[in-house]
PDB file of N, CA and C in Angstrom:
ATOM      1  N   MET A   1     -21.751  19.622  -0.581  1.00  0.00           N
ATOM      2  CA  MET A   1     -21.039  18.526  -0.902  1.00  0.00           C
ATOM      3  C   MET A   1     -22.191  17.321  -1.251  1.00  0.00           C
ATOM      4  N   ARG A   2     -23.165  17.105  -0.653  1.00  0.00           N
ATOM      5  CA  ARG A   2     -24.050  15.807  -1.156  1.00  0.00           C
ATOM      6  C   ARG A   2     -24.605  16.190  -2.335  1.00  0.00           C
ATOM      7  N   TYR A   3     -24.936  17.563  -2.794  1.00  0.00           N
ATOM      8  CA  TYR A   3     -25.500  17.283  -3.801  1.00  0.00           C
ATOM      9  C   TYR A   3     -24.096  17.147  -5.167  1.00  0.00           C
ATOM     10  N   LEU A   4     -23.099  17.463  -4.974  1.00  0.00           N
ATOM     11  CA  LEU A   4     -22.052  17.262  -5.811  1.00  0.00           C
ATOM     12  C   LEU A   4     -21.803  15.698  -5.710  1.00  0.00           C
ATOM     13  N   LEU A   5     -21.660  14.932  -4.623  1.00  0.00           N
ATOM     14  CA  LEU A   5     -21.896  13.489  -4.687  1.00  0.00           C
ATOM     15  C   LEU A   5     -23.052  12.657  -5.248  1.00  0.00           C
ATOM     16  N   TRP A   6     -24.195  13.356  -5.510  1.00  0.00           N
ATOM     17  CA  TRP A   6     -25.182  12.978  -6.165  1.00  0.00           C
ATOM     18  C   TRP A   6     -25.076  13.046  -7.906  1.00  0.00           C
ATOM     19  N   ILE A   7     -24.527  14.257  -8.038  1.00  0.00           N
ATOM     20  CA  ILE A   7     -24.191  14.855  -9.670  1.00  0.00           C
ATOM     21  C   ILE A   7     -23.212  13.786 -10.052  1.00  0.00           C
ATOM     22  N   ALA A   8     -22.242  13.568  -9.299  1.00  0.00           N
ATOM     23  CA  ALA A   8     -21.381  12.542  -9.786  1.00  0.00           C
ATOM     24  C   ALA A   8     -21.834  11.142 -10.005  1.00  0.00           C
ATOM     25  N   ARG A   9     -22.358  10.776  -8.894  1.00  0.00           N
ATOM     26  CA  ARG A   9     -23.490   9.448  -9.009  1.00  0.00           C
ATOM     27  C   ARG A   9     -24.235   9.243 -10.194  1.00  0.00           C
ATOM     28  N   LEU A  10     -25.069  10.113 -10.468  1.00  0.00           N
ATOM     29  CA  LEU A  10     -25.754  10.136 -11.835  1.00  0.00           C
ATOM     30  C   LEU A  10     -24.940  10.554 -13.186  1.00  0.00           C
ATOM     31  N   SER A  11     -24.108  11.226 -13.057  1.00  0.00           N
ATOM     32  CA  SER A  11     -23.050  11.320 -14.225  1.00  0.00           C
ATOM     33  C   SER A  11     -22.531   9.973 -14.385  1.00  0.00           C
ATOM     34  N   LEU A  12     -21.862   9.335 -13.704  1.00  0.00           N
ATOM     35  CA  LEU A  12     -21.401   7.975 -13.881  1.00  0.00           C
ATOM     36  C   LEU A  12     -22.467   7.179 -14.427  1.00  0.00           C
ATOM     37  N   PHE A  13     -23.410   6.876 -13.823  1.00  0.00           N
ATOM     38  CA  PHE A  13     -24.987   6.178 -13.957  1.00  0.00           C
ATOM     39  C   PHE A  13     -25.153   6.395 -15.540  1.00  0.00           C
ATOM     40  N   LEU A  14     -25.197   7.791 -15.905  1.00  0.00           N
ATOM     41  CA  LEU A  14     -25.799   7.883 -17.292  1.00  0.00           C
ATOM     42  C   LEU A  14     -24.552   7.408 -18.266  1.00  0.00           C
ATOM     43  N   LEU A  15     -23.322   7.813 -17.806  1.00  0.00           N
ATOM     44  CA  LEU A  15     -22.407   7.501 -18.678  1.00  0.00           C
ATOM     45  C   LEU A  15     -22.319   5.805 -18.695  1.00  0.00           C
ATOM     46  N   LEU A  16     -22.414   5.221 -17.643  1.00  0.00           N
ATOM     47  CA  LEU A  16     -22.395   3.443 -17.906  1.00  0.00           C
ATOM     48  C   LEU A  16     -23.558   3.188 -18.435  1.00  0.00           C
ATOM     49  N   PHE A  17     -24.690   3.686 -18.394  1.00  0.00           N
ATOM     50  CA  PHE A  17     -26.045   3.271 -19.118  1.00  0.00           C
ATOM     51  C   PHE A  17     -25.862   3.595 -20.927  1.00  0.00           C
ATOM     52  N   GLY A  18     -25.204   4.824 -20.896  1.00  0.00           N
ATOM     53  CA  GLY A  18     -25.005   5.187 -22.423  1.00  0.00           C
ATOM     54  C   GLY A  18     -24.137   3.788 -23.038  1.00  0.00           C
ATOM     55  N   PHE A  19     -23.086   3.313 -22.166  1.00  0.00           N
ATOM     56  CA  PHE A  19     -21.985   2.381 -22.789  1.00  0.00           C
ATOM     57  C   PHE A  19     -22.874   0.943 -23.080  1.00  0.00           C
ATOM     58  N   ALA A  20     -23.648   0.942 -22.292  1.00  0.00           N
ATOM     59  CA  ALA A  20     -24.666  -0.258 -22.276  1.00  0.00           C
ATOM     60  C   ALA A  20     -25.351  -0.364 -23.553  1.00  0.00           C
ATOM     61  N   LEU A  21     -26.157   0.923 -23.864  1.00  0.00           N
ATOM     62  CA  LEU A  21     -26.975   1.004 -24.953  1.00  0.00           C
ATOM     63  C   LEU A  21     -26.143   1.043 -26.511  1.00  0.00           C
ATOM     64  N   LYS A  22     -24.965   1.613 -26.041  1.00  0.00           N
ATOM     65  CA  LYS A  22     -23.951   1.447 -27.515  1.00  0.00           C
ATOM     66  C   LYS A  22     -23.298   0.084 -27.691  1.00  0.00           C
ATOM     67  N   ASN A  23     -23.438  -0.748 -26.703  1.00  0.00           N
ATOM     68  CA  ASN A  23     -23.290  -2.037 -26.801  1.00  0.00           C
ATOM     69  C   ASN A  23     -23.707  -3.193 -26.381  1.00  0.00           C
ATOM     70  N   ASP A  24     -24.936  -3.293 -27.023  1.00  0.00           N
ATOM     71  CA  ASP A  24     -25.996  -4.340 -27.089  1.00  0.00           C
ATOM     72  C   ASP A  24     -26.085  -5.323 -28.160  1.00  0.00           C
ATOM     73  N   GLU A  25     -25.111  -5.376 -28.932  1.00  0.00           N
ATOM     74  CA  GLU A  25     -24.801  -6.437 -29.742  1.00  0.00           C
ATOM     75  C   GLU A  25     -24.447  -7.920 -29.203  1.00  0.00           C
ATOM     76  N   PRO A  26     -25.224  -8.573 -29.822  1.00  0.00           N
ATOM     77  CA  PRO A  26     -24.932 -10.028 -29.391  1.00  0.00           C
ATOM     78  C   PRO A  26     -23.791 -10.616 -29.133  1.00  0.00           C
ATOM     79  N   VAL A  27     -22.837 -10.921 -28.392  1.00  0.00           N
ATOM     80  CA  VAL A  27     -21.561 -11.784 -28.615  1.00  0.00           C
ATOM     81  C   VAL A  27     -21.710 -13.124 -28.259  1.00  0.00           C
ATOM     82  N   THR A  28     -20.853 -14.034 -28.824  1.00  0.00           N
ATOM     83  CA  THR A  28     -20.715 -15.230 -28.295  1.00  0.00           C
ATOM     84  C   THR A  28     -19.361 -15.508 -27.934  1.00  0.00           C
ATOM     85  N   LEU A  29     -19.730 -16.303 -26.567  1.00  0.00           N
ATOM     86  CA  LEU A  29     -18.824 -16.766 -25.760  1.00  0.00           C
ATOM     87  C   LEU A  29     -18.487 -18.426 -25.674  1.00  0.00           C
ATOM     88  N   HIS A  30     -17.096 -18.810 -26.134  1.00  0.00           N
ATOM     89  CA  HIS A  30     -16.838 -20.252 -26.222  1.00  0.00           C
ATOM     90  C   HIS A  30     -16.008 -20.952 -24.970  1.00  0.00           C
ATOM     91  N   TYR A  31     -16.579 -21.900 -24.537  1.00  0.00           N
ATOM     92  CA  TYR A  31     -16.316 -22.487 -23.198  1.00  0.00           C
ATOM     93  C   TYR A  31     -15.648 -23.601 -23.642  1.00  0.00           C
ATOM     94  N   TYR A  32     -15.054 -24.419 -22.529  1.00  0.00           N
ATOM     95  CA  TYR A  32     -14.636 -25.658 -22.557  1.00  0.00           C
ATOM     96  C   TYR A  32     -16.165 -26.679 -22.814  1.00  0.00           C
ATOM     97  N   LEU A  33     -15.813 -27.923 -23.437  1.00  0.00           N
ATOM     98  CA  LEU A  33     -16.662 -28.522 -23.397  1.00  0.00           C
ATOM     99  C   LEU A  33     -17.805 -28.431 -24.418  1.00  0.00           C
ATOM    100  N   GLY A  34     -17.458 -27.390 -25.398  1.00  0.00           N
ATOM    101  CA  GLY A  34     -18.701 -27.374 -26.194  1.00  0.00           C
ATOM    102  C   GLY A  34     -19.670 -26.017 -25.634  1.00  0.00           C
ATOM    103  N   TYR A  35     -19.527 -25.725 -24.539  1.00  0.00           N
ATOM    104  CA  TYR A  35     -20.464 -24.929 -23.936  1.00  0.00           C
ATOM    105  C   TYR A  35     -20.330 -23.264 -24.638  1.00  0.00           C
ATOM    106  N   VAL A  36     -21.616 -22.759 -24.787  1.00  0.00           N
ATOM    107  CA  VAL A  36     -21.483 -21.570 -25.533  1.00  0.00           C
ATOM    108  C   VAL A  36     -22.449 -20.618 -24.849  1.00  0.00           C
ATOM    109  N   TRP A  37     -22.407 -19.518 -24.663  1.00  0.00           N
ATOM    110  CA  TRP A  37     -23.432 -18.553 -24.118  1.00  0.00           C
ATOM    111  C   TRP A  37     -23.543 -17.132 -25.385  1.00  0.00           C
ATOM    112  N   HIS A  38     -24.198 -17.031 -25.489  1.00  0.00           N
ATOM    113  CA  HIS A  38     -24.903 -15.793 -26.307  1.00  0.00           C
ATOM    114  C   HIS A  38     -25.613 -14.904 -25.560  1.00  0.00           C
ATOM    115  N   ALA A  39     -25.145 -13.589 -25.297  1.00  0.00           N
ATOM    116  CA  ALA A  39     -25.716 -12.611 -24.679  1.00  0.00           C
ATOM    117  C   ALA A  39     -24.944 -11.108 -25.089  1.00  0.00           C
ATOM    118  N   PRO A  40     -25.766 -10.014 -24.734  1.00  0.00           N
ATOM    119  CA  PRO A  40     -25.236  -8.922 -25.128  1.00  0.00           C
ATOM    120  C   PRO A  40     -23.828  -8.467 -24.613  1.00  0.00           C
ATOM    121  N   LEU A  41     -23.070  -7.568 -25.279  1.00  0.00           N
ATOM    122  CA  LEU A  41     -21.866  -7.307 -24.866  1.00  0.00           C
ATOM    123  C   LEU A  41     -21.839  -6.534 -23.238  1.00  0.00           C
ATOM    124  N   SER A  42     -22.377  -5.686 -23.272  1.00  0.00           N
ATOM    125  CA  SER A  42     -22.654  -4.875 -22.439  1.00  0.00           C
ATOM    126  C   SER A  42     -22.783  -5.985 -20.757  1.00  0.00           C
ATOM    127  N   LEU A  43     -24.138  -7.262 -20.900  1.00  0.00           N
ATOM    128  CA  LEU A  43     -24.243  -8.092 -19.926  1.00  0.00           C
ATOM    129  C   LEU A  43     -23.033  -8.775 -19.604  1.00  0.00           C
ATOM    130  N   ILE A  44     -22.419  -9.058 -20.547  1.00  0.00           N
ATOM    131  CA  ILE A  44     -21.146 -10.135 -20.229  1.00  0.00           C
ATOM    132  C   ILE A  44     -20.052  -9.025 -19.541  1.00  0.00           C
ATOM    133  N   LEU A  45     -19.849  -7.913 -19.822  1.00  0.00           N
ATOM    134  CA  LEU A  45     -18.899  -7.091 -19.450  1.00  0.00           C
ATOM    135  C   LEU A  45     -19.434  -6.833 -17.994  1.00  0.00           C
ATOM    136  N   LEU A  46     -20.728  -6.743 -17.631  1.00  0.00           N
ATOM    137  CA  LEU A  46     -20.927  -6.313 -15.984  1.00  0.00           C
ATOM    138  C   LEU A  46     -20.898  -7.538 -15.262  1.00  0.00           C
ATOM    139  N   VAL A  47     -21.265  -8.791 -16.165  1.00  0.00           N
ATOM    140  CA  VAL A  47     -21.117  -9.962 -14.686  1.00  0.00           C
ATOM    141  C   VAL A  47     -19.625 -10.396 -15.074  1.00  0.00           C
ATOM    142  N   PHE A  48     -18.854 -10.307 -15.829  1.00  0.00           N
ATOM    143  CA  PHE A  48     -17.478 -10.611 -15.519  1.00  0.00           C
ATOM    144  C   PHE A  48     -16.754  -9.222 -14.574  1.00  0.00           C
ATOM    145  N   PHE A  49     -17.263  -8.129 -14.620  1.00  0.00           N
ATOM    146  CA  PHE A  49     -16.940  -6.861 -13.826  1.00  0.00           C
ATOM    147  C   PHE A  49     -17.085  -7.689 -12.121  1.00  0.00           C
ATOM    148  N   ALA A  50     -18.451  -7.848 -12.272  1.00  0.00           N
ATOM    149  CA  ALA A  50     -18.989  -8.536 -10.801  1.00  0.00           C
ATOM    150  C   ALA A  50     -18.498  -9.483 -10.269  1.00  0.00           C
ATOM    151  N   LEU A  51     -18.115 -10.499 -11.109  1.00  0.00           N
ATOM    152  CA  LEU A  51     -17.086 -11.719 -10.225  1.00  0.00           C
ATOM    153  C   LEU A  51     -16.062 -11.257 -10.085  1.00  0.00           C
ATOM    154  N   GLY A  52     -15.126 -10.642 -11.153  1.00  0.00           N
ATOM    155  CA  GLY A  52     -13.713 -10.216 -10.333  1.00  0.00           C
ATOM    156  C   GLY A  52     -13.680  -9.262  -8.871  1.00  0.00           C
ATOM    157  N   THR A  53     -14.513  -8.316  -8.867  1.00  0.00           N
ATOM    158  CA  THR A  53     -14.984  -7.625  -7.689  1.00  0.00           C
ATOM    159  C   THR A  53     -15.024  -8.534  -6.584  1.00  0.00           C
ATOM    160  N   GLY A  54     -16.309  -9.750  -6.640  1.00  0.00           N
ATOM    161  CA  GLY A  54     -16.204 -10.603  -5.546  1.00  0.00           C
ATOM    162  C   GLY A  54     -14.742 -11.461  -5.391  1.00  0.00           C
ATOM    163  N   ILE A  55     -14.383 -11.919  -6.511  1.00  0.00           N
ATOM    164  CA  ILE A  55     -13.160 -12.512  -6.239  1.00  0.00           C
ATOM    165  C   ILE A  55     -12.028 -11.764  -5.478  1.00  0.00           C
ATOM    166  N   GLY A  56     -12.002 -10.698  -5.797  1.00  0.00           N
ATOM    167  CA  GLY A  56     -11.109  -9.554  -4.683  1.00  0.00           C
ATOM    168  C   GLY A  56     -11.332  -9.665  -3.772  1.00  0.00           C
ATOM    169  N   LEU A  57     -12.836  -9.165  -3.490  1.00  0.00           N
ATOM    170  CA  LEU A  57     -13.292  -8.732  -2.080  1.00  0.00           C
ATOM    171  C   LEU A  57     -13.125 -10.209  -0.990  1.00  0.00           C
ATOM    172  N   MET A  58     -13.187 -11.338  -1.730  1.00  0.00           N
ATOM    173  CA  MET A  58     -12.967 -12.544  -0.888  1.00  0.00           C
ATOM    174  C   MET A  58     -11.343 -12.671  -0.704  1.00  0.00           C
ATOM    175  N   ALA A  59     -10.393 -12.348  -1.681  1.00  0.00           N
ATOM    176  CA  ALA A  59      -9.405 -12.473  -1.505  1.00  0.00           C
ATOM    177  C   ALA A  59      -8.390 -11.709  -0.181  1.00  0.00           C
ATOM    178  N   SER A  60      -9.190 -10.491  -0.148  1.00  0.00           N
ATOM    179  CA  SER A  60      -8.973  -9.508   0.834  1.00  0.00           C
ATOM    180  C   SER A  60      -9.267  -9.997   2.190  1.00  0.00           C
ATOM    181  N   LEU A  61     -10.279 -10.575   2.406  1.00  0.00           N
ATOM    182  CA  LEU A  61     -11.181 -11.225   3.600  1.00  0.00           C
ATOM    183  C   LEU A  61      -9.982 -11.724   4.632  1.00  0.00           C
ATOM    184  N   THR A  62      -8.895 -12.380   3.927  1.00  0.00           N
ATOM    185  CA  THR A  62      -7.988 -13.231   5.149  1.00  0.00           C
ATOM    186  C   THR A  62      -7.329 -12.106   5.415  1.00  0.00           C
ATOM    187  N   THR A  63      -6.687 -11.168   4.997  1.00  0.00           N
ATOM    188  CA  THR A  63      -5.892 -10.172   5.562  1.00  0.00           C
ATOM    189  C   THR A  63      -6.692  -9.062   6.156  1.00  0.00           C
ATOM    190  N   ILE A  64      -7.716  -8.962   5.982  1.00  0.00           N
ATOM    191  CA  ILE A  64      -9.063  -7.973   7.166  1.00  0.00           C
ATOM    192  C   ILE A  64      -8.890  -8.899   8.589  1.00  0.00           C
ATOM    193  N   PHE A  65      -9.344 -10.228   8.218  1.00  0.00           N
ATOM    194  CA  PHE A  65      -9.131 -10.897   9.348  1.00  0.00           C
ATOM    195  C   PHE A  65      -8.203 -11.306  10.215  1.00  0.00           C
ATOM    196  N   ARG A  66      -6.835 -11.379   9.477  1.00  0.00           N
ATOM    197  CA  ARG A  66      -5.633 -11.475  10.468  1.00  0.00           C
ATOM    198  C   ARG A  66      -5.353 -10.244  11.094  1.00  0.00           C
ATOM    199  N   GLN A  67      -5.579  -8.997  10.211  1.00  0.00           N
ATOM    200  CA  GLN A  67      -5.649  -7.854  11.221  1.00  0.00           C
ATOM    201  C   GLN A  67      -6.389  -7.730  12.378  1.00  0.00           C
ATOM    202  N   ARG A  68      -7.568  -8.122  12.261  1.00  0.00           N
ATOM    203  CA  ARG A  68      -8.519  -7.699  13.099  1.00  0.00           C
ATOM    204  C   ARG A  68      -8.284  -8.578  14.649  1.00  0.00           C
ATOM    205  N   ARG A  69      -7.732  -9.767  14.299  1.00  0.00           N
ATOM    206  CA  ARG A  69      -7.140 -10.927  15.309  1.00  0.00           C
ATOM    207  C   ARG A  69      -6.012  -9.985  16.022  1.00  0.00           C
ATOM    208  N   GLU A  70      -4.734  -9.526  15.160  1.00  0.00           N
ATOM    209  CA  GLU A  70      -4.170  -8.943  15.565  1.00  0.00           C
ATOM    210  C   GLU A  70      -4.145  -7.731  16.493  1.00  0.00           C
ATOM    211  N   ILE A  71      -5.260  -7.118  16.069  1.00  0.00           N
ATOM    212  CA  ILE A  71      -5.739  -5.591  16.682  1.00  0.00           C
ATOM    213  C   ILE A  71      -6.331  -6.278  18.167  1.00  0.00           C
ATOM    214  N   ALA A  72      -6.954  -7.290  18.046  1.00  0.00           N
ATOM    215  CA  ALA A  72      -7.739  -7.735  19.242  1.00  0.00           C
ATOM    216  C   ALA A  72      -6.656  -8.275  20.140  1.00  0.00           C
ATOM    217  N   ARG A  73      -5.454  -8.756  19.688  1.00  0.00           N
ATOM    218  CA  ARG A  73      -4.466  -9.372  20.652  1.00  0.00           C
ATOM    219  C   ARG A  73      -3.720  -8.217  21.120  1.00  0.00           C
ATOM    220  N   LEU A  74      -3.482  -7.279  20.621  1.00  0.00           N
ATOM    221  CA  LEU A  74      -2.614  -5.969  20.833  1.00  0.00           C
ATOM    222  C   LEU A  74      -3.397  -5.524  21.900  1.00  0.00           C
ATOM    223  N   LYS A  75      -4.809  -5.290  21.793  1.00  0.00           N
ATOM    224  CA  LYS A  75      -5.557  -4.511  22.820  1.00  0.00           C
ATOM    225  C   LYS A  75      -5.563  -5.369  23.886  1.00  0.00           C
ATOM    226  N   GLN A  76      -5.698  -6.726  24.100  1.00  0.00           N
ATOM    227  CA  GLN A  76      -5.648  -7.805  25.033  1.00  0.00           C
ATOM    228  C   GLN A  76      -4.115  -7.464  26.062  1.00  0.00           C
ATOM    229  N   GLN A  77      -3.182  -7.384  25.117  1.00  0.00           N
ATOM    230  CA  GLN A  77      -1.994  -7.217  25.809  1.00  0.00           C
ATOM    231  C   GLN A  77      -1.998  -5.651  26.408  1.00  0.00           C
ATOM    232  N   GLY A  78      -2.529  -4.685  25.495  1.00  0.00           N
ATOM    233  CA  GLY A  78      -2.428  -3.458  26.523  1.00  0.00           C
ATOM    234  C   GLY A  78      -3.194  -3.513  27.789  1.00  0.00           C
ATOM    235  N   GLU A  79      -4.404  -4.028  27.830  1.00  0.00           N
ATOM    236  CA  GLU A  79      -5.113  -4.150  29.299  1.00  0.00           C
ATOM    237  C   GLU A  79      -4.277  -4.891  30.260  1.00  0.00           C
ATOM    238  N   ASP A  80      -3.808  -6.271  29.851  1.00  0.00           N
ATOM    239  CA  ASP A  80      -3.063  -6.746  30.610  1.00  0.00           C
ATOM    240  C   ASP A  80      -1.947  -6.203  31.296  1.00  0.00           C
ATOM    241  N   LYS A  81      -1.463  -5.235  30.557  1.00  0.00           N
ATOM    242  CA  LYS A  81      -0.150  -4.342  31.313  1.00  0.00           C
ATOM    243  C   LYS A  81      -0.623  -3.139  32.098  1.00  0.00           C
ATOM    244  N   GLY A  82      -2.159  -2.716  31.516  1.00  0.00           N
ATOM    245  CA  GLY A  82      -2.472  -1.150  32.329  1.00  0.00           C
ATOM    246  C   GLY A  82      -3.286  -1.556  33.563  1.00  0.00           C
TER     247      GLY A  82
END
């Protein structure tokens, strides 16, 4: 099973690496106030994917902390009754 997981990881890495090599042409992003960013397409996709992942994780933290507080409260109630 461990070898299968490493084969899957290697395959995914090679697929994404090949995608990056095929999309290395420079592109231009125009922002507000005249700001312009020139970078390879694969780098821009990687940056915005990482930003989206980070924002998604931060958004889910409130739910995780709320659930942990509720679990701690329920454990405390169980100890008080028992």
